[in-house]
Amino acid sequence: MGGWKSKCPTIFLHLFKTSSMKGKLYLFPTPLGENEDAGHTILPYATKIMHGLDYFIAERARTARRFIKSTGPERPISDLTVYELDKHDPAKGLSDFLKPAMEGHDTGLLSEAGCPGVADPGARVVKLAHEKGIEVIPLVGPSSLLLALMASGMNGQSFCFHGYLPNKGNELVRELKRLETLSSKFNQTQLFIETPYRNKAMIDALLKNLGSSTQMAVAVNLTLINQEIRSMTIAEWKKVKIPDWHKQPAVFLLYAGKL
């Protein structure tokens, strides 16, 4: 027993060191668009952490390198290792991408725009990091969904994000009516997005199929110099000229409840 006791602290010390040697996974929000103001949405402390990392995971390596370069790192971008997520096979290579973190190197995860893991394939990386015991650290930055909700005047206590809705006519109509019913029943704001070149078709469908008292909001080019946010009832929308938002990133919200 005496020998076991004498070795015990050494064993526990070894286990502690093994655990603590893992690197961290930092989640870096990125600007929602490209103009002279976009970079201002990234806080200095996040940039400082980013400049200390050698390894990154991103949806597109080229976009990630361009963003990192825009923050003014002191060393060449070519020195960095950027693993690229496979959009056709989101699970491919994830364990290899986290190998540096398992070996003690802090690693960064970047989205194409906004927050990693939110409407973003990076969620799989985060899930695997938790499974492997890697500490996950989310950093503050822009989220188009929360910004749109904040600016909508709709219920921010209860809301649901649905991603992309069906793009086929009949399916889209059924889904819009279902979301309107859910909003009314649960007093809940419904959020969704659309491929930018279908913005007009989405707005037309909303105006045609939602009740006149239902509130609809469209938040376009959030955080950029040409940002537009409009929120009013369907009846009010039908009285105004709809801006040309073709091919511009937008978040759509509807609300049939009562604040």
Protein backbone atom coordinates (compact mmCIF):
# COMPACT_ATOMS: atom_id res chain seq x y z
CA MET A 1 0.00 0.00 0.00
CA GLY A 2 2.84 2.33 0.79
CA GLY A 3 4.23 1.95 -2.72
CA TRP A 4 0.78 2.60 -4.29
CA LYS A 5 0.36 5.78 -2.24
CA SER A 6 3.76 7.09 -3.25
CA LYS A 7 2.96 6.63 -6.94
CA CYS A 8 -0.55 8.08 -6.72
CA PRO A 9 0.40 11.78 -6.97
CA THR A 10 2.60 11.02 -9.98
CA ILE A 11 -0.26 9.26 -11.74
CA PHE A 12 -2.69 12.09 -11.07
CA LEU A 13 -0.10 14.64 -12.19
CA HIS A 14 0.39 12.76 -15.43
CA LEU A 15 -3.37 12.63 -16.07
CA PHE A 16 -3.70 16.36 -15.36
CA LYS A 17 -0.88 17.21 -17.73
CA THR A 18 -2.34 15.03 -20.48
CA SER A 19 -5.70 16.80 -20.20
CA SER A 20 -4.30 20.30 -19.91
CA MET A 21 -1.97 19.81 -22.89
CA LYS A 22 -4.91 19.98 -25.31
CA GLY A 23 -5.29 23.21 -27.20
CA LYS A 24 -8.47 25.27 -27.27
CA LEU A 25 -10.91 25.76 -30.13
CA TYR A 26 -11.66 29.46 -30.60
CA LEU A 27 -14.79 30.41 -32.54
CA PHE A 28 -14.14 33.61 -34.50
CA PRO A 29 -17.09 35.57 -35.92
CA THR A 30 -16.28 37.25 -39.22
CA PRO A 31 -17.75 40.36 -40.91
CA LEU A 32 -21.14 40.02 -42.60
CA GLY A 33 -19.90 41.65 -45.79
CA GLU A 34 -17.01 43.41 -47.46
CA ASN A 35 -16.64 47.19 -47.25
CA GLU A 36 -14.59 49.68 -45.28
CA ASP A 37 -16.83 49.38 -42.21
CA ALA A 38 -17.12 45.59 -42.12
CA GLY A 39 -13.93 44.99 -40.17
CA HIS A 40 -15.06 47.29 -37.36
CA THR A 41 -17.48 44.59 -36.20
CA ILE A 42 -14.57 42.40 -35.05
CA LEU A 43 -13.32 43.31 -31.57
CA PRO A 44 -9.58 43.92 -30.95
CA TYR A 45 -9.31 41.16 -28.35
CA ALA A 46 -10.49 38.58 -30.90
CA THR A 47 -7.94 39.83 -33.43
CA LYS A 48 -5.19 39.58 -30.83
CA ILE A 49 -6.05 35.95 -30.13
CA MET A 50 -6.26 35.20 -33.85
CA HIS A 51 -2.78 36.54 -34.50
CA GLY A 52 -1.35 34.05 -32.02
CA LEU A 53 -2.71 30.96 -33.79
CA ASP A 54 -1.07 28.73 -36.39
CA TYR A 55 -4.05 26.52 -37.25
CA PHE A 56 -7.52 27.37 -38.55
CA ILE A 57 -10.60 25.56 -39.84
CA ALA A 58 -12.87 27.32 -42.34
CA GLU A 59 -15.56 26.71 -44.91
CA ARG A 60 -13.30 28.21 -47.59
CA ALA A 61 -9.57 28.58 -47.01
CA ARG A 62 -9.20 31.45 -49.46
CA THR A 63 -11.86 33.56 -47.73
CA ALA A 64 -10.38 32.79 -44.33
CA ARG A 65 -6.86 33.79 -45.38
CA ARG A 66 -8.15 37.03 -46.91
CA PHE A 67 -9.99 37.90 -43.70
CA ILE A 68 -7.03 37.09 -41.46
CA LYS A 69 -4.76 39.17 -43.69
CA SER A 70 -7.16 42.13 -43.43
CA THR A 71 -6.65 42.18 -39.64
CA GLY A 72 -2.94 42.99 -40.05
CA PRO A 73 -1.02 40.00 -38.67
CA GLU A 74 2.73 40.47 -38.30
CA ARG A 75 3.68 37.19 -39.97
CA PRO A 76 2.99 35.97 -43.52
CA ILE A 77 -0.37 34.36 -44.15
CA SER A 78 1.46 31.55 -45.94
CA ASP A 79 2.81 30.42 -42.56
CA LEU A 80 -0.69 29.49 -41.41
CA THR A 81 -2.36 26.12 -41.86
CA VAL A 82 -6.02 26.43 -42.89
CA TYR A 83 -8.12 23.26 -43.10
CA GLU A 84 -11.09 23.54 -45.43
CA LEU A 85 -14.46 21.97 -44.61
CA ASP A 86 -15.91 19.86 -47.41
CA LYS A 87 -19.42 21.18 -48.14
CA HIS A 88 -20.29 17.93 -49.95
CA ASP A 89 -19.10 15.77 -47.05
CA PRO A 90 -19.25 17.89 -43.85
CA ALA A 91 -17.84 15.08 -41.68
CA LYS A 92 -14.81 14.46 -43.89
CA GLY A 93 -11.46 15.16 -42.24
CA LEU A 94 -12.83 16.61 -39.01
CA SER A 95 -10.70 14.44 -36.74
CA ASP A 96 -7.58 15.40 -38.70
CA PHE A 97 -8.53 19.08 -38.47
CA LEU A 98 -8.64 18.85 -34.67
CA LYS A 99 -5.39 16.90 -34.40
CA PRO A 100 -3.34 20.08 -33.72
CA ALA A 101 -5.66 20.92 -30.81
CA MET A 102 -5.28 17.39 -29.45
CA GLU A 103 -1.51 17.93 -29.59
CA GLY A 104 -1.70 21.19 -27.62
CA HIS A 105 -2.08 23.82 -30.35
CA ASP A 106 -4.89 26.36 -30.05
CA THR A 107 -7.02 26.33 -33.20
CA GLY A 108 -9.45 28.82 -34.72
CA LEU A 109 -12.79 28.12 -36.43
CA LEU A 110 -14.11 30.75 -38.85
CA SER A 111 -17.42 31.08 -40.65
CA GLU A 112 -17.84 32.54 -44.14
CA ALA A 113 -19.83 35.34 -42.50
CA GLY A 114 -21.06 35.86 -38.95
CA CYS A 115 -20.82 33.32 -36.17
CA PRO A 116 -19.32 29.83 -36.57
CA GLY A 117 -21.78 27.03 -35.94
CA VAL A 118 -24.88 29.20 -36.46
CA ALA A 119 -26.41 28.49 -39.88
CA ASP A 120 -22.90 27.24 -40.58
CA PRO A 121 -21.26 23.80 -41.10
CA GLY A 122 -18.76 24.56 -38.33
CA ALA A 123 -21.24 23.13 -35.83
CA ARG A 124 -19.89 19.66 -36.62
CA VAL A 125 -16.39 20.77 -35.66
CA VAL A 126 -17.63 22.17 -32.35
CA LYS A 127 -19.56 18.98 -31.57
CA LEU A 128 -16.49 16.83 -32.20
CA ALA A 129 -14.33 19.16 -30.11
CA HIS A 130 -16.64 18.61 -27.13
CA GLU A 131 -16.51 14.85 -27.68
CA LYS A 132 -12.71 14.96 -27.65
CA GLY A 133 -12.55 17.07 -24.49
CA ILE A 134 -11.24 20.18 -26.27
CA GLU A 135 -12.24 23.43 -24.60
CA VAL A 136 -14.48 25.54 -26.86
CA ILE A 137 -14.30 29.33 -26.55
CA PRO A 138 -16.86 31.44 -28.47
CA LEU A 139 -15.81 35.03 -29.16
CA VAL A 140 -18.06 38.07 -29.51
CA GLY A 141 -18.91 39.24 -33.02
CA PRO A 142 -21.70 39.90 -35.53
CA SER A 143 -24.68 37.57 -35.94
CA SER A 144 -27.12 38.54 -38.67
CA LEU A 145 -29.90 36.58 -36.98
CA LEU A 146 -29.66 38.32 -33.62
CA LEU A 147 -29.12 41.73 -35.22
CA ALA A 148 -32.23 41.25 -37.35
CA LEU A 149 -34.25 40.12 -34.35
CA MET A 150 -33.05 43.07 -32.28
CA ALA A 151 -34.10 45.52 -34.99
CA SER A 152 -37.43 43.91 -35.89
CA GLY A 153 -39.59 45.02 -32.97
CA MET A 154 -40.84 41.43 -32.70
CA ASN A 155 -40.79 39.05 -29.76
CA GLY A 156 -37.19 38.53 -28.61
CA GLN A 157 -38.24 36.31 -25.68
CA SER A 158 -39.40 33.46 -27.91
CA PHE A 159 -38.11 32.92 -31.44
CA CYS A 160 -37.13 30.15 -33.85
CA PHE A 161 -34.70 30.09 -36.78
CA HIS A 162 -35.61 27.80 -39.67
CA GLY A 163 -32.69 28.22 -42.07
CA TYR A 164 -33.75 27.97 -45.71
CA LEU A 165 -37.41 27.32 -46.52
CA PRO A 166 -38.55 25.11 -49.44
CA ASN A 167 -38.22 26.95 -52.75
CA LYS A 168 -40.99 25.13 -54.61
CA GLY A 169 -44.18 27.15 -54.82
CA ASN A 170 -46.71 24.90 -53.08
CA GLU A 171 -44.25 23.71 -50.44
CA LEU A 172 -43.19 27.27 -49.67
CA VAL A 173 -46.79 28.44 -49.28
CA ARG A 174 -47.55 25.58 -46.88
CA GLU A 175 -44.44 26.34 -44.85
CA LEU A 176 -45.16 30.06 -44.61
CA LYS A 177 -48.69 29.39 -43.39
CA ARG A 178 -47.33 26.85 -40.89
CA LEU A 179 -44.85 29.39 -39.51
CA GLU A 180 -47.57 32.01 -39.26
CA THR A 181 -49.74 29.57 -37.30
CA LEU A 182 -46.83 28.69 -34.99
CA SER A 183 -46.12 32.38 -34.42
CA SER A 184 -49.71 33.07 -33.48
CA LYS A 185 -50.11 29.96 -31.32
CA PHE A 186 -46.87 30.31 -29.36
CA ASN A 187 -46.40 34.10 -29.63
CA GLN A 188 -43.09 33.35 -31.30
CA THR A 189 -41.00 35.22 -33.87
CA GLN A 190 -40.07 33.11 -36.89
CA LEU A 191 -36.76 33.76 -38.68
CA PHE A 192 -35.42 32.34 -41.93
CA ILE A 193 -33.05 33.15 -44.78
CA GLU A 194 -33.11 32.83 -48.55
CA THR A 195 -30.62 32.58 -51.39
CA PRO A 196 -30.13 36.28 -52.27
CA TYR A 197 -31.20 35.97 -55.91
CA ARG A 198 -34.62 34.71 -54.73
CA ASN A 199 -35.33 37.63 -52.38
CA LYS A 200 -38.04 39.11 -54.58
CA ALA A 201 -39.82 35.78 -54.99
CA MET A 202 -39.76 35.30 -51.21
CA ILE A 203 -41.18 38.75 -50.52
CA ASP A 204 -43.90 38.21 -53.13
CA ALA A 205 -44.84 34.90 -51.47
CA LEU A 206 -44.96 36.48 -48.02
CA LEU A 207 -47.18 39.35 -49.17
CA LYS A 208 -49.50 37.02 -51.05
CA ASN A 209 -49.96 34.35 -48.38
CA LEU A 210 -49.72 35.94 -44.93
CA GLY A 211 -52.56 37.65 -43.08
CA SER A 212 -52.79 41.45 -43.30
CA SER A 213 -52.09 41.94 -39.59
CA THR A 214 -49.03 39.66 -39.51
CA GLN A 215 -45.82 41.61 -39.10
CA MET A 216 -43.00 41.05 -41.57
CA ALA A 217 -39.43 42.31 -41.33
CA VAL A 218 -36.60 42.21 -43.84
CA ALA A 219 -33.04 43.02 -42.70
CA VAL A 220 -30.63 43.52 -45.59
CA ASN A 221 -26.84 44.03 -45.64
CA LEU A 222 -26.60 44.15 -41.86
CA THR A 223 -23.62 46.13 -40.43
CA LEU A 224 -22.74 47.46 -43.90
CA ILE A 225 -23.03 51.04 -45.15
CA ASN A 226 -26.02 50.12 -47.33
CA GLN A 227 -27.90 48.39 -44.51
CA GLU A 228 -31.70 48.49 -44.67
CA ILE A 229 -34.17 47.19 -42.07
CA ARG A 230 -37.92 47.45 -42.58
CA SER A 231 -40.56 46.04 -40.27
CA MET A 232 -44.33 46.51 -40.73
CA THR A 233 -47.56 44.60 -41.17
CA ILE A 234 -48.37 42.84 -44.41
CA ALA A 235 -51.10 45.42 -45.04
CA GLU A 236 -48.52 48.22 -44.69
CA TRP A 237 -45.98 46.43 -46.90
CA LYS A 238 -48.56 46.28 -49.69
CA LYS A 239 -48.85 50.09 -49.69
CA VAL A 240 -45.15 50.82 -50.19
CA LYS A 241 -42.69 50.36 -53.01
CA ILE A 242 -40.46 47.36 -52.32
CA PRO A 243 -36.73 48.19 -52.66
CA ASP A 244 -34.59 46.27 -55.12
CA TRP A 245 -32.84 43.78 -52.84
CA HIS A 246 -31.84 41.36 -55.59
CA LYS A 247 -28.70 39.37 -54.72
CA GLN A 248 -28.28 41.11 -51.35
CA PRO A 249 -27.99 39.02 -48.15
CA ALA A 250 -31.17 39.27 -46.10
CA VAL A 251 -32.85 37.85 -43.01
CA PHE A 252 -36.63 37.47 -43.05
CA LEU A 253 -38.84 37.54 -39.96
CA LEU A 254 -42.57 37.14 -39.42
CA TYR A 255 -44.64 37.58 -36.30
CA ALA A 256 -48.34 36.93 -35.81
CA GLY A 257 -48.37 37.21 -32.02
CA LYS A 258 -48.82 40.10 -29.64
CA LEU A 259 -46.15 41.75 -27.50
